[in-house]
């Protein structure tokens, strides 16, 4: 396996309480619970895998069951769109429910509204699904190389969608330009000067997933939380949430990115107060993580709460897919896509490869460790999933 790189981040000595905490998570979760499709996704306890790898516990949140969309992303898009509608329509916060937003008088006001976004797949599908459920329109742009299945899933959710000739970050810029020219509302999790409220709402939306997982652990306190990252929005929100929820015994937060798109790793490594980008083609099987420009809001949270940043080869994510799809003994099966399996893949590599013993020790992984991972997507590109899991193929 190609080299795994891990660096340790110096956390601030003084504790500060994040607004991405348990109280806000409960408010966000209450909104999501108003959707008829809402149900907490399963937390898989992999007891036999933990025993084989020599740790006290391994838990994987299975987001392939979220809203029937095979990925977690709708949590962020739906919460952001609801807040946009709340502000535009002058609603009170306690009126922000699925039932209110789909009432005849509200639907009449939103049916000409259009939400636009750029996506590698899952976020765009979540935006399209939400807009469709609430009676609005959506337009979705995807970077070059995007899977045809993901494009068709977005169209099936009700959006106008197309694949562009640019990479992810340039596609975001194109979506922004279209929003400005057409009078559409941009729903993007990348923040920049003058565009921070919607990315923040998207990040808050992801708190539902973290809050569910913490409750499902039923008193078990994780020692390590592995969080994969693209622009870092999910990782930033979850890192702040877990640091706040377990402030007396905060877990080690490990941020995981593919080598080809390790912008947060580079930013942490430089430690110079500047965001560091990855440009050009980002060739990795982890399509959902191939973002070259970090979200600055997310970086601020990760800087203060994430202790480790890891840059991994595609082989590690592929190993995570195979392990989750082929469980030991009575362990539950988790169908996890390339981006979804990155965290578990790294954890398994560190615990099973003697060549990584120094990095394992750096993270403090041992027989007392209780590991929490998030499988953020299922087989959203089924042909590629089969190539990797069945045939062992890696396209890059």
Protein backbone atom coordinates (compact mmCIF):
# COMPACT_ATOMS: atom_id res chain seq x y z
CA UNK A 1 0.00 0.00 0.00
CA UNK A 2 1.16 3.51 -0.81
CA UNK A 3 2.37 5.52 2.18
CA UNK A 4 -0.16 6.85 4.68
CA UNK A 5 0.74 10.29 6.03
CA UNK A 6 -0.44 11.54 9.43
CA UNK A 7 0.40 14.78 11.20
CA UNK A 8 -0.54 15.92 14.69
CA UNK A 9 -2.26 19.26 15.14
CA UNK A 10 -1.49 21.38 18.18
CA UNK A 11 -4.84 22.04 19.82
CA UNK A 12 -5.48 25.26 21.76
CA UNK A 13 -4.90 24.97 25.49
CA UNK A 14 -7.94 27.05 26.40
CA UNK A 15 -11.30 25.35 25.97
CA UNK A 16 -14.04 27.16 24.11
CA UNK A 17 -17.61 26.02 23.65
CA UNK A 18 -18.73 25.70 20.06
CA UNK A 19 -22.21 26.59 18.86
CA UNK A 20 -22.03 23.27 16.98
CA UNK A 21 -22.91 21.53 20.21
CA UNK A 22 -25.56 19.22 21.58
CA UNK A 23 -28.24 21.89 22.09
CA UNK A 24 -28.05 23.06 18.47
CA UNK A 25 -27.93 19.46 17.27
CA UNK A 26 -31.24 18.74 18.99
CA UNK A 27 -32.87 21.71 17.28
CA UNK A 28 -31.62 20.58 13.88
CA UNK A 29 -32.65 16.99 14.51
CA UNK A 30 -36.13 18.13 15.50
CA UNK A 31 -36.49 19.77 12.09
CA UNK A 32 -35.35 16.64 10.22
CA UNK A 33 -37.74 14.53 12.28
CA UNK A 34 -40.69 16.40 10.73
CA UNK A 35 -39.98 14.72 7.36
CA UNK A 36 -42.12 11.61 6.81
CA UNK A 37 -39.01 9.79 5.56
CA UNK A 38 -36.99 10.52 8.68
CA UNK A 39 -35.56 7.71 10.77
CA UNK A 40 -32.26 7.51 12.61
CA UNK A 41 -29.79 5.57 10.47
CA UNK A 42 -28.25 2.41 12.01
CA UNK A 43 -25.08 2.37 14.06
CA UNK A 44 -23.33 -0.91 13.26
CA UNK A 45 -21.32 -2.40 16.12
CA UNK A 46 -18.52 -4.50 14.61
CA UNK A 47 -17.65 -6.62 17.63
CA UNK A 48 -15.78 -9.37 15.81
CA UNK A 49 -13.78 -6.92 13.71
CA UNK A 50 -12.79 -5.06 16.87
CA UNK A 51 -11.63 -8.32 18.43
CA UNK A 52 -9.57 -9.25 15.38
CA UNK A 53 -7.95 -5.82 15.21
CA UNK A 54 -7.29 -5.72 18.96
CA UNK A 55 -9.43 -2.80 20.11
CA UNK A 56 -12.32 -2.50 22.56
CA UNK A 57 -14.93 -1.47 20.01
CA UNK A 58 -15.60 -0.36 16.44
CA UNK A 59 -18.83 1.44 15.55
CA UNK A 60 -19.86 2.55 12.05
CA UNK A 61 -22.76 4.91 11.34
CA UNK A 62 -24.47 3.61 8.17
CA UNK A 63 -25.70 6.60 6.17
CA UNK A 64 -26.73 4.50 3.18
CA UNK A 65 -30.17 4.42 4.87
CA UNK A 66 -30.68 8.21 4.98
CA UNK A 67 -33.99 9.36 3.44
CA UNK A 68 -33.74 6.59 0.82
CA UNK A 69 -30.94 8.56 -0.88
CA UNK A 70 -27.99 6.26 -0.08
CA UNK A 71 -25.96 9.08 1.54
CA UNK A 72 -26.00 11.61 4.37
CA UNK A 73 -25.80 14.82 2.35
CA UNK A 74 -29.52 15.65 2.33
CA UNK A 75 -29.20 16.51 6.01
CA UNK A 76 -27.22 19.64 5.16
CA UNK A 77 -29.03 20.69 2.01
CA UNK A 78 -32.48 20.25 3.53
CA UNK A 79 -31.64 22.31 6.61
CA UNK A 80 -30.10 25.10 4.52
CA UNK A 81 -33.03 25.28 2.09
CA UNK A 82 -35.51 25.35 4.97
CA UNK A 83 -33.67 28.29 6.53
CA UNK A 84 -33.57 30.14 3.21
CA UNK A 85 -37.35 29.71 2.91
CA UNK A 86 -37.90 30.71 6.54
CA UNK A 87 -36.08 33.99 5.99
CA UNK A 88 -37.61 34.78 2.61
CA UNK A 89 -41.14 34.04 3.81
CA UNK A 90 -40.80 35.66 7.24
CA UNK A 91 -41.54 32.48 9.20
CA UNK A 92 -40.70 31.95 12.85
CA UNK A 93 -38.18 29.24 13.69
CA UNK A 94 -40.85 27.05 15.27
CA UNK A 95 -42.72 27.14 11.93
CA UNK A 96 -39.78 25.55 10.13
CA UNK A 97 -41.29 22.11 9.69
CA UNK A 98 -41.92 19.90 6.69
CA UNK A 99 -45.66 20.22 7.22
CA UNK A 100 -45.57 24.03 7.24
CA UNK A 101 -43.15 24.29 4.30
CA UNK A 102 -45.33 22.02 2.17
CA UNK A 103 -48.63 23.70 3.04
CA UNK A 104 -50.56 25.04 0.01
CA UNK A 105 -49.94 28.71 0.82
CA UNK A 106 -46.18 28.16 1.15
CA UNK A 107 -45.86 25.93 -1.93
CA UNK A 108 -47.54 28.62 -4.00
CA UNK A 109 -44.83 31.08 -2.96
CA UNK A 110 -41.84 28.79 -3.55
CA UNK A 111 -42.80 27.03 -6.78
CA UNK A 112 -40.90 29.55 -8.93
CA UNK A 113 -37.81 29.50 -6.72
CA UNK A 114 -34.69 27.73 -8.03
CA UNK A 115 -31.85 26.33 -5.95
CA UNK A 116 -28.52 25.66 -7.65
CA UNK A 117 -25.42 23.80 -6.52
CA UNK A 118 -22.23 22.08 -7.64
CA UNK A 119 -21.67 18.52 -6.49
CA UNK A 120 -19.71 15.31 -6.90
CA UNK A 121 -23.04 13.55 -6.51
CA UNK A 122 -24.49 13.15 -3.03
CA UNK A 123 -24.94 16.80 -2.08
CA UNK A 124 -26.63 17.60 -5.39
CA UNK A 125 -28.99 14.68 -5.01
CA UNK A 126 -29.92 15.89 -1.53
CA UNK A 127 -30.57 19.44 -2.78
CA UNK A 128 -32.64 18.13 -5.71
CA UNK A 129 -34.66 15.83 -3.44
CA UNK A 130 -35.36 18.57 -0.92
CA UNK A 131 -36.31 21.17 -3.53
CA UNK A 132 -38.64 18.67 -5.17
CA UNK A 133 -40.26 17.70 -1.86
CA UNK A 134 -40.87 21.37 -1.02
CA UNK A 135 -42.16 22.29 -4.49
CA UNK A 136 -39.19 24.34 -5.71
CA UNK A 137 -36.89 23.90 -8.72
CA UNK A 138 -33.23 22.89 -8.71
CA UNK A 139 -30.25 22.96 -11.05
CA UNK A 140 -27.16 20.86 -10.37
CA UNK A 141 -23.71 20.98 -11.97
CA UNK A 142 -21.17 18.17 -11.65
CA UNK A 143 -17.41 18.16 -12.28
CA UNK A 144 -15.84 16.30 -15.18
CA UNK A 145 -15.43 12.60 -14.59
CA UNK A 146 -18.61 12.33 -12.50
CA UNK A 147 -20.34 8.96 -12.63
CA UNK A 148 -23.30 8.70 -15.02
CA UNK A 149 -25.30 6.87 -12.33
CA UNK A 150 -24.92 9.77 -9.91
CA UNK A 151 -26.03 12.20 -12.63
CA UNK A 152 -29.14 10.14 -13.38
CA UNK A 153 -29.97 9.85 -9.67
CA UNK A 154 -29.92 13.64 -9.40
CA UNK A 155 -32.18 14.00 -12.42
CA UNK A 156 -34.52 11.38 -11.02
CA UNK A 157 -34.77 13.48 -7.84
CA UNK A 158 -36.21 16.32 -9.91
CA UNK A 159 -33.26 18.52 -10.90
CA UNK A 160 -31.94 19.81 -14.17
CA UNK A 161 -28.40 18.42 -14.07
CA UNK A 162 -25.31 18.20 -16.24
CA UNK A 163 -21.63 17.29 -16.07
CA UNK A 164 -19.26 20.17 -16.80
CA UNK A 165 -15.77 20.20 -18.30
CA UNK A 166 -14.15 21.50 -15.10
CA UNK A 167 -12.92 20.14 -11.78
CA UNK A 168 -15.02 20.44 -8.63
CA UNK A 169 -13.84 23.86 -7.46
CA UNK A 170 -14.21 25.45 -10.89
CA UNK A 171 -17.68 23.89 -11.13
CA UNK A 172 -18.55 25.60 -7.83
CA UNK A 173 -17.47 28.90 -9.35
CA UNK A 174 -19.67 28.24 -12.39
CA UNK A 175 -22.68 27.46 -10.19
CA UNK A 176 -22.06 30.69 -8.27
CA UNK A 177 -21.98 32.65 -11.53
CA UNK A 178 -25.21 31.06 -12.73
CA UNK A 179 -26.90 31.90 -9.43
CA UNK A 180 -25.90 35.54 -9.77
CA UNK A 181 -26.96 35.81 -13.41
CA UNK A 182 -30.22 33.88 -13.14
CA UNK A 183 -31.38 35.08 -9.74
CA UNK A 184 -31.18 31.56 -8.28
CA UNK A 185 -30.20 30.65 -4.71
CA UNK A 186 -26.83 28.95 -4.37
CA UNK A 187 -26.75 26.09 -1.84
CA UNK A 188 -23.04 25.29 -1.45
CA UNK A 189 -21.01 24.05 1.51
CA UNK A 190 -17.92 26.01 0.51
CA UNK A 191 -17.76 29.43 2.18
CA UNK A 192 -16.13 32.65 1.04
CA UNK A 193 -16.34 36.36 1.83
CA UNK A 194 -19.98 37.37 1.70
CA UNK A 195 -21.23 33.77 1.53
CA UNK A 196 -21.27 32.13 4.92
CA UNK A 197 -24.82 31.76 6.22
CA UNK A 198 -25.88 28.97 3.84
CA UNK A 199 -22.64 26.95 4.29
CA UNK A 200 -23.10 27.28 8.05
CA UNK A 201 -26.68 25.99 7.83
CA UNK A 202 -25.46 23.05 5.75
CA UNK A 203 -22.88 22.24 8.42
CA UNK A 204 -25.49 22.51 11.14
CA UNK A 205 -27.63 20.06 9.19
CA UNK A 206 -24.96 17.41 9.58
CA UNK A 207 -25.27 17.63 13.38
CA UNK A 208 -28.29 15.31 13.19
CA UNK A 209 -26.03 12.45 12.11
CA UNK A 210 -23.53 13.08 14.90
CA UNK A 211 -26.24 13.45 17.55
CA UNK A 212 -27.92 10.21 16.50
CA UNK A 213 -24.62 8.35 16.69
CA UNK A 214 -23.80 9.67 20.16
CA UNK A 215 -27.22 8.62 21.45
CA UNK A 216 -26.94 5.19 19.81
CA UNK A 217 -23.64 4.56 21.58
CA UNK A 218 -25.74 4.37 24.76
CA UNK A 219 -23.15 5.75 27.12
CA UNK A 220 -20.06 4.37 25.38
CA UNK A 221 -17.60 7.24 24.94
CA UNK A 222 -15.47 6.94 21.79
CA UNK A 223 -11.74 7.42 22.16
CA UNK A 224 -11.21 7.99 18.43
CA UNK A 225 -13.51 9.49 15.80
CA UNK A 226 -12.47 9.15 12.13
CA UNK A 227 -14.04 11.81 9.88
CA UNK A 228 -13.42 11.92 6.14
CA UNK A 229 -13.36 15.34 4.51
CA UNK A 230 -13.83 17.06 1.18
CA UNK A 231 -14.17 20.79 1.88
CA UNK A 232 -14.45 19.79 5.54
CA UNK A 233 -18.02 20.81 6.37
CA UNK A 234 -19.19 17.49 7.81
CA UNK A 235 -15.87 16.90 9.54
CA UNK A 236 -15.83 20.38 11.07
CA UNK A 237 -19.36 20.18 12.41
CA UNK A 238 -18.91 16.65 13.77
CA UNK A 239 -15.52 17.41 15.31
CA UNK A 240 -16.94 20.38 17.22
CA UNK A 241 -19.98 18.37 18.28
CA UNK A 242 -18.02 15.45 19.71
CA UNK A 243 -15.45 17.70 21.40
CA UNK A 244 -18.32 19.51 23.12
CA UNK A 245 -20.40 16.46 23.98
CA UNK A 246 -17.44 14.62 25.51
CA UNK A 247 -15.58 17.61 26.87
CA UNK A 248 -14.47 15.73 30.01
CA UNK A 249 -12.93 12.96 27.90
CA UNK A 250 -12.68 14.38 24.37
CA UNK A 251 -11.94 11.77 21.70
CA UNK A 252 -9.05 12.06 19.30
CA UNK A 253 -10.51 13.44 16.07
CA UNK A 254 -8.79 12.17 12.92
CA UNK A 255 -9.55 13.94 9.62
CA UNK A 256 -9.10 11.68 6.58
CA UNK A 257 -8.51 12.79 2.97
CA UNK A 258 -7.21 11.12 -0.20
CA UNK A 259 -3.69 12.05 -1.31
CA UNK A 260 -5.07 13.58 -4.50
CA UNK A 261 -7.25 16.14 -2.66
CA UNK A 262 -5.64 16.66 0.75
CA UNK A 263 -6.23 20.40 1.11
CA UNK A 264 -6.97 20.25 4.86
CA UNK A 265 -3.90 18.07 5.47
CA UNK A 266 -1.75 20.61 3.61
CA UNK A 267 -3.31 23.48 5.55
CA UNK A 268 -2.66 21.75 8.88
CA UNK A 269 0.86 20.77 7.83
CA UNK A 270 1.78 24.33 6.84
CA UNK A 271 0.32 25.77 10.08
CA UNK A 272 0.83 29.28 8.76
CA UNK A 273 -2.69 30.66 9.16
CA UNK A 274 -3.42 30.32 5.44
CA UNK A 275 -5.68 27.89 3.63
CA UNK A 276 -3.76 25.70 1.19
CA UNK A 277 -5.42 24.49 -2.00
CA UNK A 278 -5.03 21.53 -4.32
CA UNK A 279 -5.48 22.46 -7.97
CA UNK A 280 -5.91 20.67 -11.27
CA UNK A 281 -7.29 17.18 -11.73
CA UNK A 282 -7.84 15.30 -8.49
CA UNK A 283 -7.72 11.65 -9.50
CA UNK A 284 -9.00 9.47 -6.68
CA UNK A 285 -11.68 6.83 -6.29
CA UNK A 286 -13.03 8.98 -3.41
CA UNK A 287 -15.02 11.27 -5.73
CA UNK A 288 -16.98 12.84 -2.89
CA UNK A 289 -13.76 13.95 -1.22
CA UNK A 290 -12.10 15.42 -4.31
CA UNK A 291 -12.37 19.05 -3.31
CA UNK A 292 -9.28 21.23 -3.51
CA UNK A 293 -10.37 24.30 -1.56
CA UNK A 294 -11.33 24.00 2.13
CA UNK A 295 -14.37 25.70 3.64
CA UNK A 296 -12.92 28.38 5.92
CA UNK A 297 -15.68 27.94 8.53
CA UNK A 298 -14.95 24.23 8.65
CA UNK A 299 -11.22 24.78 8.89
CA UNK A 300 -11.62 27.02 11.95
CA UNK A 301 -13.50 24.22 13.73
CA UNK A 302 -11.03 21.54 12.67
CA UNK A 303 -8.06 23.69 13.63
CA UNK A 304 -9.40 23.89 17.17
CA UNK A 305 -10.86 20.38 17.60
CA UNK A 306 -9.14 17.89 15.27
CA UNK A 307 -5.95 16.44 16.71
CA UNK A 308 -4.78 14.52 13.64
CA UNK A 309 -4.92 14.96 9.87
CA UNK A 310 -4.34 11.98 7.60
CA UNK A 311 -3.67 11.73 3.88
CA UNK A 312 -4.34 8.25 2.52
CA UNK A 313 -3.95 6.29 -0.72
CA UNK A 314 -6.98 4.96 -2.52
CA UNK A 315 -6.01 1.44 -1.45
CA UNK A 316 -6.94 2.28 2.15
CA UNK A 317 -10.45 3.42 1.19
CA UNK A 318 -10.85 0.33 -1.00
CA UNK A 319 -9.86 -1.89 1.91
CA UNK A 320 -12.50 -0.19 4.04
CA UNK A 321 -15.13 -0.95 1.39
CA UNK A 322 -14.18 -4.63 1.31
CA UNK A 323 -14.08 -5.02 5.08
CA UNK A 324 -17.48 -3.39 5.58
CA UNK A 325 -19.05 -5.33 2.72
CA UNK A 326 -17.67 -8.68 3.91
CA UNK A 327 -18.13 -8.69 7.70
CA UNK A 328 -16.71 -11.17 10.16
CA UNK A 329 -19.07 -13.67 11.78
CA UNK A 330 -22.21 -12.00 13.11
CA UNK A 331 -21.05 -8.42 12.48
CA UNK A 332 -23.62 -6.47 10.40
CA UNK A 333 -22.85 -5.74 6.77
CA UNK A 334 -22.40 -2.13 5.69
CA UNK A 335 -22.45 -1.27 1.99
CA UNK A 336 -20.04 1.65 1.88
CA UNK A 337 -18.91 3.64 -1.12
CA UNK A 338 -15.40 4.91 -1.75
CA UNK A 339 -15.69 8.14 0.23
CA UNK A 340 -17.79 6.54 2.95
CA UNK A 341 -15.24 3.83 3.74
CA UNK A 342 -12.16 6.07 3.98
CA UNK A 343 -12.23 6.44 7.78
CA UNK A 344 -12.70 2.75 8.56
CA UNK A 345 -10.13 1.87 5.92
CA UNK A 346 -7.51 4.05 7.62
CA UNK A 347 -8.35 2.68 11.06
CA UNK A 348 -8.10 -0.92 9.84
CA UNK A 349 -4.79 -0.25 8.07
CA UNK A 350 -3.26 1.29 11.20
CA UNK A 351 -4.41 -1.63 13.35
CA UNK A 352 -3.37 -4.42 10.97
CA UNK A 353 -0.17 -3.30 9.23
CA UNK A 354 3.03 -3.62 11.33
CA UNK A 355 4.70 -1.08 9.05
CA UNK A 356 2.30 1.53 10.45
CA UNK A 357 3.07 0.84 14.11
CA UNK A 358 4.58 4.28 14.71
CA UNK A 359 1.52 6.03 13.34
CA UNK A 360 -0.74 3.71 15.31
CA UNK A 361 1.15 4.66 18.46
CA UNK A 362 0.99 8.35 17.54
CA UNK A 363 -2.81 8.14 17.52
CA UNK A 364 -2.85 6.19 20.79
CA UNK A 365 -4.68 3.22 19.30
CA UNK A 366 -4.58 0.23 21.65
CA UNK A 367 -6.67 -2.51 23.25
CA UNK A 368 -8.76 0.11 25.11
CA UNK A 369 -9.67 2.11 22.01
CA UNK A 370 -13.31 2.61 21.03
CA UNK A 371 -13.47 3.76 17.41
CA UNK A 372 -16.35 5.61 15.74
CA UNK A 373 -16.51 5.94 11.95
CA UNK A 374 -19.10 7.33 9.55
CA UNK A 375 -19.97 5.51 6.35
CA UNK A 376 -21.35 8.59 4.66
CA UNK A 377 -22.50 6.90 1.46
CA UNK A 378 -23.55 3.54 0.12
CA UNK A 379 -22.88 2.21 -3.39
CA UNK A 380 -23.84 5.45 -5.15
CA UNK A 381 -21.80 4.32 -8.18
CA UNK A 382 -22.67 0.62 -8.30
CA UNK A 383 -20.47 -0.29 -11.27
CA UNK A 384 -17.43 1.25 -9.60
CA UNK A 385 -18.36 -0.38 -6.27
CA UNK A 386 -18.38 -3.80 -7.92
CA UNK A 387 -15.10 -3.14 -9.72
CA UNK A 388 -13.40 -2.28 -6.43
CA UNK A 389 -15.02 -4.82 -4.11
CA UNK A 390 -15.46 -7.75 -6.51
CA UNK A 391 -12.58 -7.31 -8.93
CA UNK A 392 -10.05 -5.32 -6.89
CA UNK A 393 -9.75 -2.64 -9.57
CA UNK A 394 -8.57 0.89 -8.83
CA UNK A 395 -8.91 3.35 -11.74
CA UNK A 396 -6.13 5.64 -10.53
